Amino acid sequence: MSKTFVPSPRTPAVLTGNFLRDGRNVWKAGEDWTTDPRVATLFEDAGLAEFALLDAQAQGHVVVGPYLAEAVRNPDGTPGPAHFREAFRQRGPSTEPSATPAQPLAEVAHV
């Protein structure tokens, strides 16, 4: 998360990181972590987002490198990546031939 980025209804955020055990990209969905970014919780309140980040940082035995990433709300209400870096992460590992992208780059919202 950028030091100047503050989640709000206009610029929501998702909480993301990597599983400690296998390094997979994960997103916070309610009380759990998921590998499906489309079900991630969208944080629009800066205080709630910061609290969730602090909670995630305390889960070092489960997830590493948690951070808040700027997101967009898709027309269907699901979160989407606001920046190329996050869109790339959602596509999955680039070193695994069997990995399939979660969302084609052409469909990524550019902010």
PDB file of N, CA and C in Angstrom:
ATOM      1  N   MET A   1       0.842  -1.170   0.000  1.00  0.00           N
ATOM      2  CA  MET A   1       0.000   0.000   0.000  1.00  0.00           C
ATOM      3  C   MET A   1       0.887   1.231   0.000  1.00  0.00           C
ATOM      4  N   SER A   2       0.560   2.174  -0.821  1.00  0.00           N
ATOM      5  CA  SER A   2       1.267   3.438  -0.850  1.00  0.00           C
ATOM      6  C   SER A   2       1.024   4.174   0.460  1.00  0.00           C
ATOM      7  N   LYS A   3       2.000   4.897   0.905  1.00  0.00           N
ATOM      8  CA  LYS A   3       1.837   5.645   2.149  1.00  0.00           C
ATOM      9  C   LYS A   3       0.770   6.731   2.011  1.00  0.00           C
ATOM     10  N   THR A   4       0.463   7.151   0.787  1.00  0.00           N
ATOM     11  CA  THR A   4      -0.535   8.184   0.581  1.00  0.00           C
ATOM     12  C   THR A   4      -1.908   7.602   0.252  1.00  0.00           C
ATOM     13  N   PHE A   5      -2.012   6.311   0.039  1.00  0.00           N
ATOM     14  CA  PHE A   5      -3.279   5.678  -0.294  1.00  0.00           C
ATOM     15  C   PHE A   5      -4.095   5.453   0.968  1.00  0.00           C
ATOM     16  N   VAL A   6      -5.319   5.965   0.967  1.00  0.00           N
ATOM     17  CA  VAL A   6      -6.240   5.775   2.085  1.00  0.00           C
ATOM     18  C   VAL A   6      -7.539   5.210   1.508  1.00  0.00           C
ATOM     19  N   PRO A   7      -7.932   3.994   1.907  1.00  0.00           N
ATOM     20  CA  PRO A   7      -9.182   3.420   1.388  1.00  0.00           C
ATOM     21  C   PRO A   7     -10.381   4.314   1.684  1.00  0.00           C
ATOM     22  N   SER A   8     -11.285   4.384   0.724  1.00  0.00           N
ATOM     23  CA  SER A   8     -12.512   5.160   0.862  1.00  0.00           C
ATOM     24  C   SER A   8     -13.541   4.563  -0.096  1.00  0.00           C
ATOM     25  N   PRO A   9     -14.795   4.999  -0.036  1.00  0.00           N
ATOM     26  CA  PRO A   9     -15.784   4.491  -0.992  1.00  0.00           C
ATOM     27  C   PRO A   9     -15.373   4.760  -2.445  1.00  0.00           C
ATOM     28  N   ARG A  10     -14.670   5.856  -2.679  1.00  0.00           N
ATOM     29  CA  ARG A  10     -14.223   6.178  -4.035  1.00  0.00           C
ATOM     30  C   ARG A  10     -13.006   5.346  -4.456  1.00  0.00           C
ATOM     31  N   THR A  11     -12.139   5.034  -3.506  1.00  0.00           N
ATOM     32  CA  THR A  11     -10.943   4.230  -3.773  1.00  0.00           C
ATOM     33  C   THR A  11     -10.855   3.096  -2.758  1.00  0.00           C
ATOM     34  N   PRO A  12     -11.623   2.019  -2.963  1.00  0.00           N
ATOM     35  CA  PRO A  12     -11.596   0.902  -2.010  1.00  0.00           C
ATOM     36  C   PRO A  12     -10.282   0.125  -2.084  1.00  0.00           C
ATOM     37  N   ALA A  13     -10.106  -0.761  -1.136  1.00  0.00           N
ATOM     38  CA  ALA A  13      -8.891  -1.577  -1.075  1.00  0.00           C
ATOM     39  C   ALA A  13      -9.260  -3.028  -0.810  1.00  0.00           C
ATOM     40  N   VAL A  14      -8.346  -3.903  -1.175  1.00  0.00           N
ATOM     41  CA  VAL A  14      -8.415  -5.309  -0.779  1.00  0.00           C
ATOM     42  C   VAL A  14      -7.156  -5.589   0.026  1.00  0.00           C
ATOM     43  N   LEU A  15      -7.237  -6.563   0.899  1.00  0.00           N
ATOM     44  CA  LEU A  15      -6.096  -6.978   1.706  1.00  0.00           C
ATOM     45  C   LEU A  15      -5.527  -8.231   1.068  1.00  0.00           C
ATOM     46  N   THR A  16      -4.253  -8.200   0.731  1.00  0.00           N
ATOM     47  CA  THR A  16      -3.636  -9.308   0.020  1.00  0.00           C
ATOM     48  C   THR A  16      -2.275  -9.640   0.616  1.00  0.00           C
ATOM     49  N   GLY A  17      -1.778 -10.797   0.288  1.00  0.00           N
ATOM     50  CA  GLY A  17      -0.478 -11.259   0.753  1.00  0.00           C
ATOM     51  C   GLY A  17      -0.187 -12.607   0.112  1.00  0.00           C
ATOM     52  N   ASN A  18       0.654 -13.390   0.773  1.00  0.00           N
ATOM     53  CA  ASN A  18       1.005 -14.715   0.275  1.00  0.00           C
ATOM     54  C   ASN A  18       0.947 -15.729   1.403  1.00  0.00           C
ATOM     55  N   PHE A  19       0.456 -16.937   1.083  1.00  0.00           N
ATOM     56  CA  PHE A  19       0.462 -18.008   2.076  1.00  0.00           C
ATOM     57  C   PHE A  19       1.910 -18.327   2.445  1.00  0.00           C
ATOM     58  N   LEU A  20       2.172 -18.493   3.720  1.00  0.00           N
ATOM     59  CA  LEU A  20       3.509 -18.818   4.201  1.00  0.00           C
ATOM     60  C   LEU A  20       3.957 -20.180   3.670  1.00  0.00           C
ATOM     61  N   ARG A  21       3.068 -21.150   3.693  1.00  0.00           N
ATOM     62  CA  ARG A  21       3.439 -22.525   3.360  1.00  0.00           C
ATOM     63  C   ARG A  21       3.877 -22.705   1.910  1.00  0.00           C
ATOM     64  N   ASP A  22       3.135 -22.112   0.954  1.00  0.00           N
ATOM     65  CA  ASP A  22       3.444 -22.390  -0.458  1.00  0.00           C
ATOM     66  C   ASP A  22       3.610 -21.142  -1.325  1.00  0.00           C
ATOM     67  N   GLY A  23       3.451 -19.953  -0.748  1.00  0.00           N
ATOM     68  CA  GLY A  23       3.682 -18.723  -1.484  1.00  0.00           C
ATOM     69  C   GLY A  23       2.551 -18.257  -2.387  1.00  0.00           C
ATOM     70  N   ARG A  24       1.431 -18.996  -2.409  1.00  0.00           N
ATOM     71  CA  ARG A  24       0.319 -18.589  -3.277  1.00  0.00           C
ATOM     72  C   ARG A  24      -0.216 -17.218  -2.882  1.00  0.00           C
ATOM     73  N   ASN A  25      -0.656 -16.445  -3.887  1.00  0.00           N
ATOM     74  CA  ASN A  25      -1.302 -15.158  -3.640  1.00  0.00           C
ATOM     75  C   ASN A  25      -2.646 -15.409  -2.984  1.00  0.00           C
ATOM     76  N   VAL A  26      -2.945 -14.636  -1.954  1.00  0.00           N
ATOM     77  CA  VAL A  26      -4.212 -14.775  -1.248  1.00  0.00           C
ATOM     78  C   VAL A  26      -4.805 -13.397  -0.968  1.00  0.00           C
ATOM     79  N   TRP A  27      -6.123 -13.399  -0.765  1.00  0.00           N
ATOM     80  CA  TRP A  27      -6.873 -12.189  -0.458  1.00  0.00           C
ATOM     81  C   TRP A  27      -7.755 -12.465   0.743  1.00  0.00           C
ATOM     82  N   LYS A  28      -7.952 -11.452   1.558  1.00  0.00           N
ATOM     83  CA  LYS A  28      -8.802 -11.576   2.743  1.00  0.00           C
ATOM     84  C   LYS A  28     -10.261 -11.549   2.302  1.00  0.00           C
ATOM     85  N   ALA A  29     -11.009 -12.548   2.750  1.00  0.00           N
ATOM     86  CA  ALA A  29     -12.446 -12.649   2.449  1.00  0.00           C
ATOM     87  C   ALA A  29     -13.145 -12.924   3.763  1.00  0.00           C
ATOM     88  N   GLY A  30     -13.701 -11.883   4.369  1.00  0.00           N
ATOM     89  CA  GLY A  30     -14.311 -12.052   5.686  1.00  0.00           C
ATOM     90  C   GLY A  30     -13.238 -12.383   6.703  1.00  0.00           C
ATOM     91  N   GLU A  31     -13.420 -13.480   7.414  1.00  0.00           N
ATOM     92  CA  GLU A  31     -12.446 -13.910   8.417  1.00  0.00           C
ATOM     93  C   GLU A  31     -11.388 -14.847   7.845  1.00  0.00           C
ATOM     94  N   ASP A  32     -11.541 -15.259   6.598  1.00  0.00           N
ATOM     95  CA  ASP A  32     -10.662 -16.243   5.983  1.00  0.00           C
ATOM     96  C   ASP A  32      -9.787 -15.631   4.904  1.00  0.00           C
ATOM     97  N   TRP A  33      -8.842 -16.420   4.407  1.00  0.00           N
ATOM     98  CA  TRP A  33      -8.018 -16.073   3.256  1.00  0.00           C
ATOM     99  C   TRP A  33      -8.464 -16.935   2.085  1.00  0.00           C
ATOM    100  N   THR A  34      -8.453 -16.373   0.879  1.00  0.00           N
ATOM    101  CA  THR A  34      -8.881 -17.092  -0.306  1.00  0.00           C
ATOM    102  C   THR A  34      -7.874 -16.868  -1.435  1.00  0.00           C
ATOM    103  N   THR A  35      -7.817 -17.831  -2.350  1.00  0.00           N
ATOM    104  CA  THR A  35      -6.987 -17.664  -3.542  1.00  0.00           C
ATOM    105  C   THR A  35      -7.801 -17.057  -4.690  1.00  0.00           C
ATOM    106  N   ASP A  36      -9.074 -16.782  -4.457  1.00  0.00           N
ATOM    107  CA  ASP A  36      -9.953 -16.204  -5.477  1.00  0.00           C
ATOM    108  C   ASP A  36     -10.151 -14.713  -5.196  1.00  0.00           C
ATOM    109  N   PRO A  37      -9.487 -13.839  -5.948  1.00  0.00           N
ATOM    110  CA  PRO A  37      -9.593 -12.402  -5.667  1.00  0.00           C
ATOM    111  C   PRO A  37     -10.987 -11.840  -5.884  1.00  0.00           C
ATOM    112  N   ARG A  38     -11.835 -12.551  -6.608  1.00  0.00           N
ATOM    113  CA  ARG A  38     -13.196 -12.046  -6.881  1.00  0.00           C
ATOM    114  C   ARG A  38     -14.087 -12.079  -5.653  1.00  0.00           C
ATOM    115  N   VAL A  39     -13.700 -12.818  -4.611  1.00  0.00           N
ATOM    116  CA  VAL A  39     -14.506 -12.872  -3.392  1.00  0.00           C
ATOM    117  C   VAL A  39     -13.855 -12.119  -2.232  1.00  0.00           C
ATOM    118  N   ALA A  40     -12.814 -11.368  -2.536  1.00  0.00           N
ATOM    119  CA  ALA A  40     -12.122 -10.607  -1.495  1.00  0.00           C
ATOM    120  C   ALA A  40     -13.044  -9.528  -0.925  1.00  0.00           C
ATOM    121  N   THR A  41     -12.807  -9.195   0.321  1.00  0.00           N
ATOM    122  CA  THR A  41     -13.534  -8.115   0.974  1.00  0.00           C
ATOM    123  C   THR A  41     -13.025  -6.783   0.449  1.00  0.00           C
ATOM    124  N   LEU A  42     -13.947  -5.911   0.071  1.00  0.00           N
ATOM    125  CA  LEU A  42     -13.590  -4.548  -0.336  1.00  0.00           C
ATOM    126  C   LEU A  42     -13.670  -3.652   0.895  1.00  0.00           C
ATOM    127  N   PHE A  43     -12.569  -3.016   1.230  1.00  0.00           N
ATOM    128  CA  PHE A  43     -12.532  -2.101   2.369  1.00  0.00           C
ATOM    129  C   PHE A  43     -12.703  -0.680   1.858  1.00  0.00           C
ATOM    130  N   GLU A  44     -13.739  -0.002   2.353  1.00  0.00           N
ATOM    131  CA  GLU A  44     -13.994   1.385   1.980  1.00  0.00           C
ATOM    132  C   GLU A  44     -13.778   2.332   3.147  1.00  0.00           C
ATOM    133  N   ASP A  45     -13.554   1.781   4.326  1.00  0.00           N
ATOM    134  CA  ASP A  45     -13.333   2.565   5.537  1.00  0.00           C
ATOM    135  C   ASP A  45     -11.865   2.416   5.939  1.00  0.00           C
ATOM    136  N   ALA A  46     -11.163   3.530   6.042  1.00  0.00           N
ATOM    137  CA  ALA A  46      -9.731   3.507   6.339  1.00  0.00           C
ATOM    138  C   ALA A  46      -9.436   2.837   7.678  1.00  0.00           C
ATOM    139  N   GLY A  47     -10.264   3.099   8.677  1.00  0.00           N
ATOM    140  CA  GLY A  47     -10.038   2.509   9.994  1.00  0.00           C
ATOM    141  C   GLY A  47     -10.191   0.996   9.988  1.00  0.00           C
ATOM    142  N   LEU A  48     -11.246   0.513   9.344  1.00  0.00           N
ATOM    143  CA  LEU A  48     -11.457  -0.934   9.254  1.00  0.00           C
ATOM    144  C   LEU A  48     -10.352  -1.601   8.442  1.00  0.00           C
ATOM    145  N   ALA A  49      -9.910  -0.925   7.385  1.00  0.00           N
ATOM    146  CA  ALA A  49      -8.834  -1.468   6.559  1.00  0.00           C
ATOM    147  C   ALA A  49      -7.541  -1.569   7.364  1.00  0.00           C
ATOM    148  N   GLU A  50      -7.234  -0.543   8.118  1.00  0.00           N
ATOM    149  CA  GLU A  50      -6.013  -0.553   8.931  1.00  0.00           C
ATOM    150  C   GLU A  50      -6.085  -1.634  10.005  1.00  0.00           C
ATOM    151  N   PHE A  51      -7.246  -1.790  10.638  1.00  0.00           N
ATOM    152  CA  PHE A  51      -7.421  -2.840  11.645  1.00  0.00           C
ATOM    153  C   PHE A  51      -7.223  -4.218  11.014  1.00  0.00           C
ATOM    154  N   ALA A  52      -7.804  -4.446   9.824  1.00  0.00           N
ATOM    155  CA  ALA A  52      -7.660  -5.726   9.140  1.00  0.00           C
ATOM    156  C   ALA A  52      -6.198  -5.983   8.777  1.00  0.00           C
ATOM    157  N   LEU A  53      -5.482  -4.944   8.369  1.00  0.00           N
ATOM    158  CA  LEU A  53      -4.068  -5.082   8.040  1.00  0.00           C
ATOM    159  C   LEU A  53      -3.259  -5.461   9.279  1.00  0.00           C
ATOM    160  N   LEU A  54      -3.517  -4.801  10.387  1.00  0.00           N
ATOM    161  CA  LEU A  54      -2.813  -5.142  11.630  1.00  0.00           C
ATOM    162  C   LEU A  54      -3.102  -6.582  12.046  1.00  0.00           C
ATOM    163  N   ASP A  55      -4.346  -7.011  11.899  1.00  0.00           N
ATOM    164  CA  ASP A  55      -4.713  -8.387  12.211  1.00  0.00           C
ATOM    165  C   ASP A  55      -3.964  -9.359  11.302  1.00  0.00           C
ATOM    166  N   ALA A  56      -3.880  -9.040  10.010  1.00  0.00           N
ATOM    167  CA  ALA A  56      -3.173  -9.901   9.061  1.00  0.00           C
ATOM    168  C   ALA A  56      -1.687  -9.966   9.381  1.00  0.00           C
ATOM    169  N   GLN A  57      -1.105  -8.855   9.783  1.00  0.00           N
ATOM    170  CA  GLN A  57       0.312  -8.834  10.129  1.00  0.00           C
ATOM    171  C   GLN A  57       0.594  -9.705  11.350  1.00  0.00           C
ATOM    172  N   ALA A  58      -0.400  -9.887  12.207  1.00  0.00           N
ATOM    173  CA  ALA A  58      -0.256 -10.743  13.377  1.00  0.00           C
ATOM    174  C   ALA A  58      -0.406 -12.223  13.025  1.00  0.00           C
ATOM    175  N   GLN A  59      -0.790 -12.519  11.792  1.00  0.00           N
ATOM    176  CA  GLN A  59      -0.969 -13.899  11.344  1.00  0.00           C
ATOM    177  C   GLN A  59       0.247 -14.396  10.562  1.00  0.00           C
ATOM    178  N   GLY A  60       1.434 -14.072  11.035  1.00  0.00           N
ATOM    179  CA  GLY A  60       2.666 -14.465  10.365  1.00  0.00           C
ATOM    180  C   GLY A  60       2.847 -15.959  10.218  1.00  0.00           C
ATOM    181  N   HIS A  61       2.111 -16.732  10.979  1.00  0.00           N
ATOM    182  CA  HIS A  61       2.175 -18.192  10.864  1.00  0.00           C
ATOM    183  C   HIS A  61       1.309 -18.699   9.709  1.00  0.00           C
ATOM    184  N   VAL A  62       0.532 -17.803   9.080  1.00  0.00           N
ATOM    185  CA  VAL A  62      -0.369 -18.171   7.984  1.00  0.00           C
ATOM    186  C   VAL A  62      -0.024 -17.430   6.702  1.00  0.00           C
ATOM    187  N   VAL A  63       0.157 -16.114   6.816  1.00  0.00           N
ATOM    188  CA  VAL A  63       0.325 -15.267   5.636  1.00  0.00           C
ATOM    189  C   VAL A  63       1.521 -14.334   5.833  1.00  0.00           C
ATOM    190  N   VAL A  64       2.235 -14.069   4.747  1.00  0.00           N
ATOM    191  CA  VAL A  64       3.382 -13.166   4.817  1.00  0.00           C
ATOM    192  C   VAL A  64       3.176 -11.995   3.861  1.00  0.00           C
ATOM    193  N   GLY A  65       3.767 -10.878   4.215  1.00  0.00           N
ATOM    194  CA  GLY A  65       3.733  -9.696   3.365  1.00  0.00           C
ATOM    195  C   GLY A  65       2.367  -9.109   3.106  1.00  0.00           C
ATOM    196  N   PRO A  66       1.452  -9.122   4.079  1.00  0.00           N
ATOM    197  CA  PRO A  66       0.128  -8.562   3.801  1.00  0.00           C
ATOM    198  C   PRO A  66       0.194  -7.059   3.573  1.00  0.00           C
ATOM    199  N   TYR A  67      -0.640  -6.586   2.651  1.00  0.00           N
ATOM    200  CA  TYR A  67      -0.730  -5.156   2.396  1.00  0.00           C
ATOM    201  C   TYR A  67      -2.091  -4.835   1.794  1.00  0.00           C
ATOM    202  N   LEU A  68      -2.459  -3.571   1.895  1.00  0.00           N
ATOM    203  CA  LEU A  68      -3.698  -3.091   1.295  1.00  0.00           C
ATOM    204  C   LEU A  68      -3.395  -2.624  -0.116  1.00  0.00           C
ATOM    205  N   ALA A  69      -4.154  -3.125  -1.070  1.00  0.00           N
ATOM    206  CA  ALA A  69      -3.970  -2.755  -2.467  1.00  0.00           C
ATOM    207  C   ALA A  69      -5.210  -2.012  -2.949  1.00  0.00           C
ATOM    208  N   GLU A  70      -5.001  -0.921  -3.648  1.00  0.00           N
ATOM    209  CA  GLU A  70      -6.113  -0.172  -4.209  1.00  0.00           C
ATOM    210  C   GLU A  70      -6.876  -1.066  -5.181  1.00  0.00           C
ATOM    211  N   ALA A  71      -8.192  -0.976  -5.139  1.00  0.00           N
ATOM    212  CA  ALA A  71      -9.046  -1.822  -5.975  1.00  0.00           C
ATOM    213  C   ALA A  71     -10.142  -0.971  -6.609  1.00  0.00           C
ATOM    214  N   VAL A  72     -10.895  -1.600  -7.486  1.00  0.00           N
ATOM    215  CA  VAL A  72     -12.085  -0.985  -8.070  1.00  0.00           C
ATOM    216  C   VAL A  72     -13.256  -1.918  -7.803  1.00  0.00           C
ATOM    217  N   ARG A  73     -14.444  -1.342  -7.787  1.00  0.00           N
ATOM    218  CA  ARG A  73     -15.648  -2.164  -7.663  1.00  0.00           C
ATOM    219  C   ARG A  73     -16.164  -2.401  -9.076  1.00  0.00           C
ATOM    220  N   ASN A  74     -16.162  -3.666  -9.497  1.00  0.00           N
ATOM    221  CA  ASN A  74     -16.674  -4.038 -10.814  1.00  0.00           C
ATOM    222  C   ASN A  74     -18.184  -3.822 -10.867  1.00  0.00           C
ATOM    223  N   PRO A  75     -18.770  -3.736 -12.058  1.00  0.00           N
ATOM    224  CA  PRO A  75     -20.222  -3.542 -12.176  1.00  0.00           C
ATOM    225  C   PRO A  75     -21.047  -4.592 -11.425  1.00  0.00           C
ATOM    226  N   ASP A  76     -20.506  -5.812 -11.286  1.00  0.00           N
ATOM    227  CA  ASP A  76     -21.237  -6.859 -10.568  1.00  0.00           C
ATOM    228  C   ASP A  76     -20.981  -6.823  -9.058  1.00  0.00           C
ATOM    229  N   GLY A  77     -20.226  -5.810  -8.593  1.00  0.00           N
ATOM    230  CA  GLY A  77     -19.972  -5.646  -7.163  1.00  0.00           C
ATOM    231  C   GLY A  77     -18.711  -6.330  -6.665  1.00  0.00           C
ATOM    232  N   THR A  78     -18.080  -7.138  -7.493  1.00  0.00           N
ATOM    233  CA  THR A  78     -16.855  -7.826  -7.087  1.00  0.00           C
ATOM    234  C   THR A  78     -15.668  -6.878  -7.185  1.00  0.00           C
ATOM    235  N   PRO A  79     -14.619  -7.138  -6.393  1.00  0.00           N
ATOM    236  CA  PRO A  79     -13.433  -6.292  -6.489  1.00  0.00           C
ATOM    237  C   PRO A  79     -12.614  -6.628  -7.729  1.00  0.00           C
ATOM    238  N   GLY A  80     -11.970  -5.613  -8.249  1.00  0.00           N
ATOM    239  CA  GLY A  80     -11.074  -5.792  -9.380  1.00  0.00           C
ATOM    240  C   GLY A  80      -9.799  -5.021  -9.139  1.00  0.00           C
ATOM    241  N   PRO A  81      -8.744  -5.362  -9.840  1.00  0.00           N
ATOM    242  CA  PRO A  81      -7.472  -4.656  -9.647  1.00  0.00           C
ATOM    243  C   PRO A  81      -7.524  -3.251 -10.225  1.00  0.00           C
ATOM    244  N   ALA A  82      -6.940  -2.306  -9.514  1.00  0.00           N
ATOM    245  CA  ALA A  82      -6.892  -0.930  -9.988  1.00  0.00           C
ATOM    246  C   ALA A  82      -5.595  -0.646 -10.740  1.00  0.00           C
ATOM    247  N   HIS A  83      -4.588  -1.483 -10.530  1.00  0.00           N
ATOM    248  CA  HIS A  83      -3.279  -1.252 -11.138  1.00  0.00           C
ATOM    249  C   HIS A  83      -2.740  -2.532 -11.763  1.00  0.00           C
ATOM    250  N   PHE A  84      -1.841  -2.354 -12.712  1.00  0.00           N
ATOM    251  CA  PHE A  84      -1.274  -3.481 -13.444  1.00  0.00           C
ATOM    252  C   PHE A  84      -0.629  -4.514 -12.524  1.00  0.00           C
ATOM    253  N   ARG A  85       0.104  -4.058 -11.508  1.00  0.00           N
ATOM    254  CA  ARG A  85       0.795  -4.995 -10.612  1.00  0.00           C
ATOM    255  C   ARG A  85      -0.188  -5.987 -10.002  1.00  0.00           C
ATOM    256  N   GLU A  86      -1.316  -5.482  -9.522  1.00  0.00           N
ATOM    257  CA  GLU A  86      -2.294  -6.359  -8.891  1.00  0.00           C
ATOM    258  C   GLU A  86      -2.982  -7.255  -9.926  1.00  0.00           C
ATOM    259  N   ALA A  87      -3.213  -6.738 -11.123  1.00  0.00           N
ATOM    260  CA  ALA A  87      -3.788  -7.570 -12.184  1.00  0.00           C
ATOM    261  C   ALA A  87      -2.839  -8.715 -12.515  1.00  0.00           C
ATOM    262  N   PHE A  88      -1.560  -8.430 -12.546  1.00  0.00           N
ATOM    263  CA  PHE A  88      -0.550  -9.448 -12.833  1.00  0.00           C
ATOM    264  C   PHE A  88      -0.530 -10.508 -11.731  1.00  0.00           C
ATOM    265  N   ARG A  89      -0.603 -10.084 -10.475  1.00  0.00           N
ATOM    266  CA  ARG A  89      -0.630 -11.033  -9.348  1.00  0.00           C
ATOM    267  C   ARG A  89      -1.860 -11.948  -9.431  1.00  0.00           C
ATOM    268  N   GLN A  90      -3.001 -11.386  -9.859  1.00  0.00           N
ATOM    269  CA  GLN A  90      -4.220 -12.181  -9.941  1.00  0.00           C
ATOM    270  C   GLN A  90      -4.152 -13.237 -11.029  1.00  0.00           C
ATOM    271  N   ARG A  91      -3.308 -13.035 -12.014  1.00  0.00           N
ATOM    272  CA  ARG A  91      -3.173 -14.010 -13.098  1.00  0.00           C
ATOM    273  C   ARG A  91      -2.515 -15.291 -12.625  1.00  0.00           C
ATOM    274  N   GLY A  92      -1.862 -15.246 -11.475  1.00  0.00           N
ATOM    275  CA  GLY A  92      -1.236 -16.444 -10.941  1.00  0.00           C
ATOM    276  C   GLY A  92       0.239 -16.516 -11.285  1.00  0.00           C
ATOM    277  N   PRO A  93       0.903 -17.547 -10.796  1.00  0.00           N
ATOM    278  CA  PRO A  93       2.348 -17.674 -11.017  1.00  0.00           C
ATOM    279  C   PRO A  93       2.679 -17.771 -12.508  1.00  0.00           C
ATOM    280  N   SER A  94       3.679 -17.029 -12.923  1.00  0.00           N
ATOM    281  CA  SER A  94       4.085 -17.067 -14.331  1.00  0.00           C
ATOM    282  C   SER A  94       5.053 -18.208 -14.603  1.00  0.00           C
ATOM    283  N   THR A  95       5.452 -18.931 -13.567  1.00  0.00           N
ATOM    284  CA  THR A  95       6.392 -20.030 -13.745  1.00  0.00           C
ATOM    285  C   THR A  95       5.711 -21.389 -13.814  1.00  0.00           C
ATOM    286  N   GLU A  96       4.403 -21.428 -13.624  1.00  0.00           N
ATOM    287  CA  GLU A  96       3.665 -22.689 -13.680  1.00  0.00           C
ATOM    288  C   GLU A  96       2.867 -22.765 -14.971  1.00  0.00           C
ATOM    289  N   PRO A  97       3.225 -23.696 -15.873  1.00  0.00           N
ATOM    290  CA  PRO A  97       2.510 -23.788 -17.148  1.00  0.00           C
ATOM    291  C   PRO A  97       1.027 -24.086 -16.994  1.00  0.00           C
ATOM    292  N   SER A  98       0.624 -24.730 -15.904  1.00  0.00           N
ATOM    293  CA  SER A  98      -0.783 -25.083 -15.732  1.00  0.00           C
ATOM    294  C   SER A  98      -1.610 -23.946 -15.152  1.00  0.00           C
ATOM    295  N   ALA A  99      -0.950 -22.858 -14.758  1.00  0.00           N
ATOM    296  CA  ALA A  99      -1.676 -21.735 -14.158  1.00  0.00           C
ATOM    297  C   ALA A  99      -2.544 -21.064 -15.205  1.00  0.00           C
ATOM    298  N   THR A 100      -3.779 -20.765 -14.824  1.00  0.00           N
ATOM    299  CA  THR A 100      -4.685 -20.057 -15.727  1.00  0.00           C
ATOM    300  C   THR A 100      -4.990 -18.701 -15.136  1.00  0.00           C
ATOM    301  N   PRO A 101      -5.042 -17.674 -15.956  1.00  0.00           N
ATOM    302  CA  PRO A 101      -5.306 -16.339 -15.429  1.00  0.00           C
ATOM    303  C   PRO A 101      -6.715 -16.220 -14.873  1.00  0.00           C
ATOM    304  N   ALA A 102      -6.833 -15.466 -13.793  1.00  0.00           N
ATOM    305  CA  ALA A 102      -8.140 -15.231 -13.191  1.00  0.00           C
ATOM    306  C   ALA A 102      -8.926 -14.224 -14.019  1.00  0.00           C
ATOM    307  N   GLN A 103      -8.226 -13.325 -14.698  1.00  0.00           N
ATOM    308  CA  GLN A 103      -8.870 -12.273 -15.463  1.00  0.00           C
ATOM    309  C   GLN A 103      -7.910 -11.817 -16.570  1.00  0.00           C
ATOM    310  N   PRO A 104      -8.335 -11.829 -17.817  1.00  0.00           N
ATOM    311  CA  PRO A 104      -7.460 -11.360 -18.891  1.00  0.00           C
ATOM    312  C   PRO A 104      -7.067  -9.897 -18.666  1.00  0.00           C
ATOM    313  N   LEU A 105      -5.853  -9.558 -19.037  1.00  0.00           N
ATOM    314  CA  LEU A 105      -5.384  -8.191 -18.825  1.00  0.00           C
ATOM    315  C   LEU A 105      -6.215  -7.169 -19.562  1.00  0.00           C
ATOM    316  N   ALA A 106      -6.817  -7.530 -20.679  1.00  0.00           N
ATOM    317  CA  ALA A 106      -7.640  -6.595 -21.433  1.00  0.00           C
ATOM    318  C   ALA A 106      -8.861  -6.145 -20.642  1.00  0.00           C
ATOM    319  N   GLU A 107      -9.265  -6.921 -19.652  1.00  0.00           N
ATOM    320  CA  GLU A 107     -10.458  -6.591 -18.865  1.00  0.00           C
ATOM    321  C   GLU A 107     -10.126  -5.805 -17.599  1.00  0.00           C
ATOM    322  N   VAL A 108      -8.872  -5.481 -17.375  1.00  0.00           N
ATOM    323  CA  VAL A 108      -8.455  -4.787 -16.162  1.00  0.00           C
ATOM    324  C   VAL A 108      -8.825  -3.313 -16.278  1.00  0.00           C
ATOM    325  N   ALA A 109      -9.405  -2.800 -15.202  1.00  0.00           N
ATOM    326  CA  ALA A 109      -9.755  -1.377 -15.166  1.00  0.00           C
ATOM    327  C   ALA A 109      -8.486  -0.564 -14.967  1.00  0.00           C
ATOM    328  N   HIS A 110      -8.294   0.459 -15.767  1.00  0.00           N
ATOM    329  CA  HIS A 110      -7.137   1.328 -15.628  1.00  0.00           C
ATOM    330  C   HIS A 110      -7.561   2.606 -14.936  1.00  0.00           C
ATOM    331  N   VAL A 111      -6.852   2.934 -13.876  1.00  0.00           N
ATOM    332  CA  VAL A 111      -7.173   4.131 -13.108  1.00  0.00           C
ATOM    333  C   VAL A 111      -6.093   5.158 -13.309  1.00  0.00           C
TER     334      VAL A 111
END
